[in-house]
């Protein structure tokens, strides 16, 4: 009974909340992919020391997972 009620609550999101959820997922993907590009792209157009480039890429990936965790809590909280 509770599981069905939770499903109905999730499906009855307003269009603006649904849009913000999709936007949040897109931003998670953007930061994650940007972090990977900065780490692994050898021909990166900005001249940055490889150590700092790796640190910045890891920072972006960690930030993307923080955004995803916040998105998960806001959308799937009881």
N, C-alpha and C. Protein backbone atom coordinates (compact mmCIF):
# COMPACT_ATOMS: atom_id res chain seq x y z
N UNK A 1 0.82 -1.19 0.00
CA UNK A 1 0.00 0.00 0.00
C UNK A 1 0.86 1.26 0.00
N UNK A 2 1.88 1.28 0.85
CA UNK A 2 2.75 2.45 0.92
C UNK A 2 3.52 2.62 -0.39
N UNK A 3 3.98 1.51 -0.95
CA UNK A 3 4.75 1.57 -2.18
C UNK A 3 3.91 2.16 -3.32
N UNK A 4 2.65 1.77 -3.40
CA UNK A 4 1.76 2.30 -4.44
C UNK A 4 1.51 3.80 -4.22
N UNK A 5 1.38 4.19 -2.96
CA UNK A 5 1.15 5.60 -2.64
C UNK A 5 2.37 6.44 -3.00
N UNK A 6 3.57 5.93 -2.75
CA UNK A 6 4.79 6.65 -3.12
C UNK A 6 4.90 6.79 -4.62
N UNK A 7 4.52 5.76 -5.36
CA UNK A 7 4.56 5.81 -6.82
C UNK A 7 3.60 6.88 -7.33
N UNK A 8 2.41 6.95 -6.75
CA UNK A 8 1.45 7.97 -7.18
C UNK A 8 1.96 9.37 -6.87
N UNK A 9 2.61 9.56 -5.73
CA UNK A 9 3.16 10.87 -5.40
C UNK A 9 4.25 11.26 -6.38
N UNK A 10 5.06 10.31 -6.80
CA UNK A 10 6.13 10.61 -7.74
C UNK A 10 5.56 10.96 -9.11
N UNK A 11 4.55 10.26 -9.53
CA UNK A 11 3.98 10.51 -10.86
C UNK A 11 3.20 11.82 -10.91
N UNK A 12 2.76 12.33 -9.79
CA UNK A 12 1.94 13.53 -9.78
C UNK A 12 2.77 14.79 -9.61
N UNK A 13 4.00 14.76 -10.06
CA UNK A 13 4.84 15.96 -10.01
C UNK A 13 4.30 17.01 -10.96
N UNK A 14 4.49 18.24 -10.57
CA UNK A 14 4.10 19.33 -11.46
C UNK A 14 5.08 19.40 -12.63
N UNK A 15 4.68 19.98 -13.74
CA UNK A 15 5.59 20.09 -14.88
C UNK A 15 6.86 20.87 -14.55
N UNK A 16 6.76 21.87 -13.68
CA UNK A 16 7.98 22.63 -13.34
C UNK A 16 8.94 21.77 -12.53
N UNK A 17 8.43 20.95 -11.60
CA UNK A 17 9.32 20.07 -10.84
C UNK A 17 9.94 19.02 -11.74
N UNK A 18 9.16 18.52 -12.67
CA UNK A 18 9.69 17.53 -13.60
C UNK A 18 10.79 18.14 -14.47
N UNK A 19 10.57 19.38 -14.93
CA UNK A 19 11.57 20.09 -15.72
C UNK A 19 12.84 20.31 -14.92
N UNK A 20 12.70 20.72 -13.66
CA UNK A 20 13.88 20.95 -12.82
C UNK A 20 14.62 19.66 -12.54
N UNK A 21 13.91 18.55 -12.43
CA UNK A 21 14.58 17.25 -12.24
C UNK A 21 15.41 16.89 -13.47
N UNK A 22 14.83 17.09 -14.64
CA UNK A 22 15.56 16.79 -15.88
C UNK A 22 16.74 17.73 -16.04
N UNK A 23 16.55 19.01 -15.71
CA UNK A 23 17.65 19.97 -15.77
C UNK A 23 18.76 19.59 -14.80
N UNK A 24 18.40 19.12 -13.62
CA UNK A 24 19.39 18.67 -12.64
C UNK A 24 20.19 17.48 -13.15
N UNK A 25 19.52 16.54 -13.81
CA UNK A 25 20.23 15.40 -14.39
C UNK A 25 21.16 15.84 -15.51
N UNK A 26 20.71 16.79 -16.31
CA UNK A 26 21.57 17.30 -17.40
C UNK A 26 22.80 18.01 -16.84
N UNK A 27 22.63 18.78 -15.77
CA UNK A 27 23.77 19.47 -15.17
C UNK A 27 24.74 18.48 -14.53
N UNK A 28 24.20 17.41 -13.91
CA UNK A 28 25.06 16.36 -13.38
C UNK A 28 25.91 15.77 -14.50
N UNK A 29 25.27 15.43 -15.62
CA UNK A 29 25.99 14.85 -16.75
C UNK A 29 27.01 15.84 -17.31
N UNK A 30 26.65 17.12 -17.39
CA UNK A 30 27.55 18.14 -17.91
C UNK A 30 28.82 18.24 -17.07
N UNK A 31 28.67 18.38 -15.76
CA UNK A 31 29.85 18.51 -14.90
C UNK A 31 30.69 17.24 -14.89
N UNK A 32 30.02 16.08 -14.92
CA UNK A 32 30.76 14.82 -14.92
C UNK A 32 31.57 14.67 -16.21
N UNK A 33 30.94 14.93 -17.35
CA UNK A 33 31.64 14.81 -18.64
C UNK A 33 32.73 15.86 -18.76
N UNK A 34 32.47 17.07 -18.30
CA UNK A 34 33.50 18.12 -18.33
C UNK A 34 34.71 17.73 -17.49
N UNK A 35 34.47 17.15 -16.32
CA UNK A 35 35.57 16.68 -15.49
C UNK A 35 36.39 15.61 -16.19
N UNK A 36 35.72 14.66 -16.83
CA UNK A 36 36.43 13.61 -17.56
C UNK A 36 37.22 14.19 -18.73
N UNK A 37 36.63 15.14 -19.45
CA UNK A 37 37.33 15.76 -20.58
C UNK A 37 38.59 16.48 -20.12
N UNK A 38 38.47 17.22 -19.03
CA UNK A 38 39.63 17.96 -18.53
C UNK A 38 40.74 17.01 -18.12
N UNK A 39 40.38 15.88 -17.53
CA UNK A 39 41.41 14.93 -17.09
C UNK A 39 42.05 14.21 -18.27
N UNK A 40 41.26 13.71 -19.20
CA UNK A 40 41.78 12.79 -20.21
C UNK A 40 42.07 13.40 -21.58
N UNK A 41 41.62 14.60 -21.86
CA UNK A 41 41.84 15.20 -23.18
C UNK A 41 43.24 15.78 -23.23
N UNK A 42 44.09 15.15 -24.03
CA UNK A 42 45.50 15.57 -24.12
C UNK A 42 45.66 16.90 -24.83
N UNK A 43 44.81 17.21 -25.79
CA UNK A 43 44.92 18.46 -26.53
C UNK A 43 44.03 19.55 -25.94
N UNK A 44 43.90 19.59 -24.63
CA UNK A 44 43.04 20.58 -23.97
C UNK A 44 43.52 21.98 -24.33
N UNK A 45 42.62 22.87 -24.78
CA UNK A 45 43.05 24.17 -25.32
C UNK A 45 43.72 25.11 -24.31
N UNK A 46 43.47 24.95 -23.03
CA UNK A 46 44.11 25.81 -22.03
C UNK A 46 45.40 25.17 -21.54
N UNK A 47 46.42 25.96 -21.41
CA UNK A 47 47.70 25.45 -20.92
C UNK A 47 47.69 25.44 -19.39
N UNK A 48 47.43 24.27 -18.84
CA UNK A 48 47.39 24.09 -17.39
C UNK A 48 48.35 22.97 -17.03
N UNK A 49 49.03 23.12 -15.91
CA UNK A 49 49.90 22.06 -15.41
C UNK A 49 49.08 20.78 -15.25
N UNK A 50 49.61 19.63 -15.67
CA UNK A 50 48.83 18.38 -15.61
C UNK A 50 48.31 18.04 -14.22
N UNK A 51 49.06 18.37 -13.19
CA UNK A 51 48.60 18.09 -11.83
C UNK A 51 47.35 18.91 -11.50
N UNK A 52 47.38 20.20 -11.83
CA UNK A 52 46.23 21.06 -11.57
C UNK A 52 45.05 20.68 -12.45
N UNK A 53 45.33 20.25 -13.66
CA UNK A 53 44.26 19.83 -14.56
C UNK A 53 43.55 18.61 -14.00
N UNK A 54 44.32 17.66 -13.49
CA UNK A 54 43.72 16.47 -12.89
C UNK A 54 42.93 16.83 -11.64
N UNK A 55 43.49 17.69 -10.80
CA UNK A 55 42.78 18.10 -9.59
C UNK A 55 41.47 18.81 -9.92
N UNK A 56 41.49 19.68 -10.91
CA UNK A 56 40.28 20.40 -11.31
C UNK A 56 39.23 19.43 -11.87
N UNK A 57 39.68 18.46 -12.66
CA UNK A 57 38.76 17.46 -13.20
C UNK A 57 38.12 16.62 -12.11
N UNK A 58 38.92 16.22 -11.13
CA UNK A 58 38.39 15.43 -10.01
C UNK A 58 37.42 16.28 -9.19
N UNK A 59 37.75 17.55 -9.00
CA UNK A 59 36.85 18.45 -8.27
C UNK A 59 35.50 18.57 -8.98
N UNK A 60 35.51 18.68 -10.30
CA UNK A 60 34.25 18.76 -11.05
C UNK A 60 33.45 17.46 -10.94
N UNK A 61 34.13 16.33 -10.95
CA UNK A 61 33.43 15.05 -10.83
C UNK A 61 32.81 14.90 -9.45
N UNK A 62 33.55 15.28 -8.41
CA UNK A 62 33.01 15.22 -7.05
C UNK A 62 31.81 16.16 -6.93
N UNK A 63 31.92 17.36 -7.49
CA UNK A 63 30.81 18.32 -7.45
C UNK A 63 29.59 17.76 -8.18
N UNK A 64 29.81 17.07 -9.30
CA UNK A 64 28.67 16.51 -10.03
C UNK A 64 27.96 15.46 -9.18
N UNK A 65 28.71 14.65 -8.43
CA UNK A 65 28.06 13.65 -7.58
C UNK A 65 27.36 14.30 -6.39
N UNK A 66 27.87 15.42 -5.90
CA UNK A 66 27.17 16.14 -4.84
C UNK A 66 25.83 16.67 -5.36
N UNK A 67 25.83 17.19 -6.58
CA UNK A 67 24.59 17.66 -7.19
C UNK A 67 23.61 16.51 -7.38
N UNK A 68 24.12 15.35 -7.81
CA UNK A 68 23.25 14.19 -8.02
C UNK A 68 22.66 13.72 -6.70
N UNK A 69 23.46 13.71 -5.64
CA UNK A 69 22.95 13.28 -4.33
C UNK A 69 21.85 14.22 -3.84
N UNK A 70 22.03 15.51 -4.03
CA UNK A 70 21.01 16.48 -3.64
C UNK A 70 19.74 16.30 -4.49
N UNK A 71 19.92 16.05 -5.77
CA UNK A 71 18.78 15.81 -6.65
C UNK A 71 18.03 14.55 -6.22
N UNK A 72 18.76 13.51 -5.87
CA UNK A 72 18.16 12.24 -5.43
C UNK A 72 17.36 12.46 -4.15
N UNK A 73 17.94 13.20 -3.20
CA UNK A 73 17.24 13.45 -1.94
C UNK A 73 15.97 14.26 -2.16
N UNK A 74 16.01 15.25 -3.01
CA UNK A 74 14.84 16.09 -3.24
C UNK A 74 13.74 15.38 -3.99
N UNK A 75 14.09 14.43 -4.84
CA UNK A 75 13.07 13.77 -5.67
C UNK A 75 12.55 12.47 -5.11
N UNK A 76 13.34 11.77 -4.30
CA UNK A 76 12.94 10.44 -3.86
C UNK A 76 12.85 10.32 -2.35
N UNK A 77 12.71 11.45 -1.67
CA UNK A 77 12.56 11.44 -0.22
C UNK A 77 11.13 11.05 0.11
N UNK A 78 10.96 10.31 1.20
CA UNK A 78 9.61 9.88 1.62
C UNK A 78 8.79 11.05 2.09
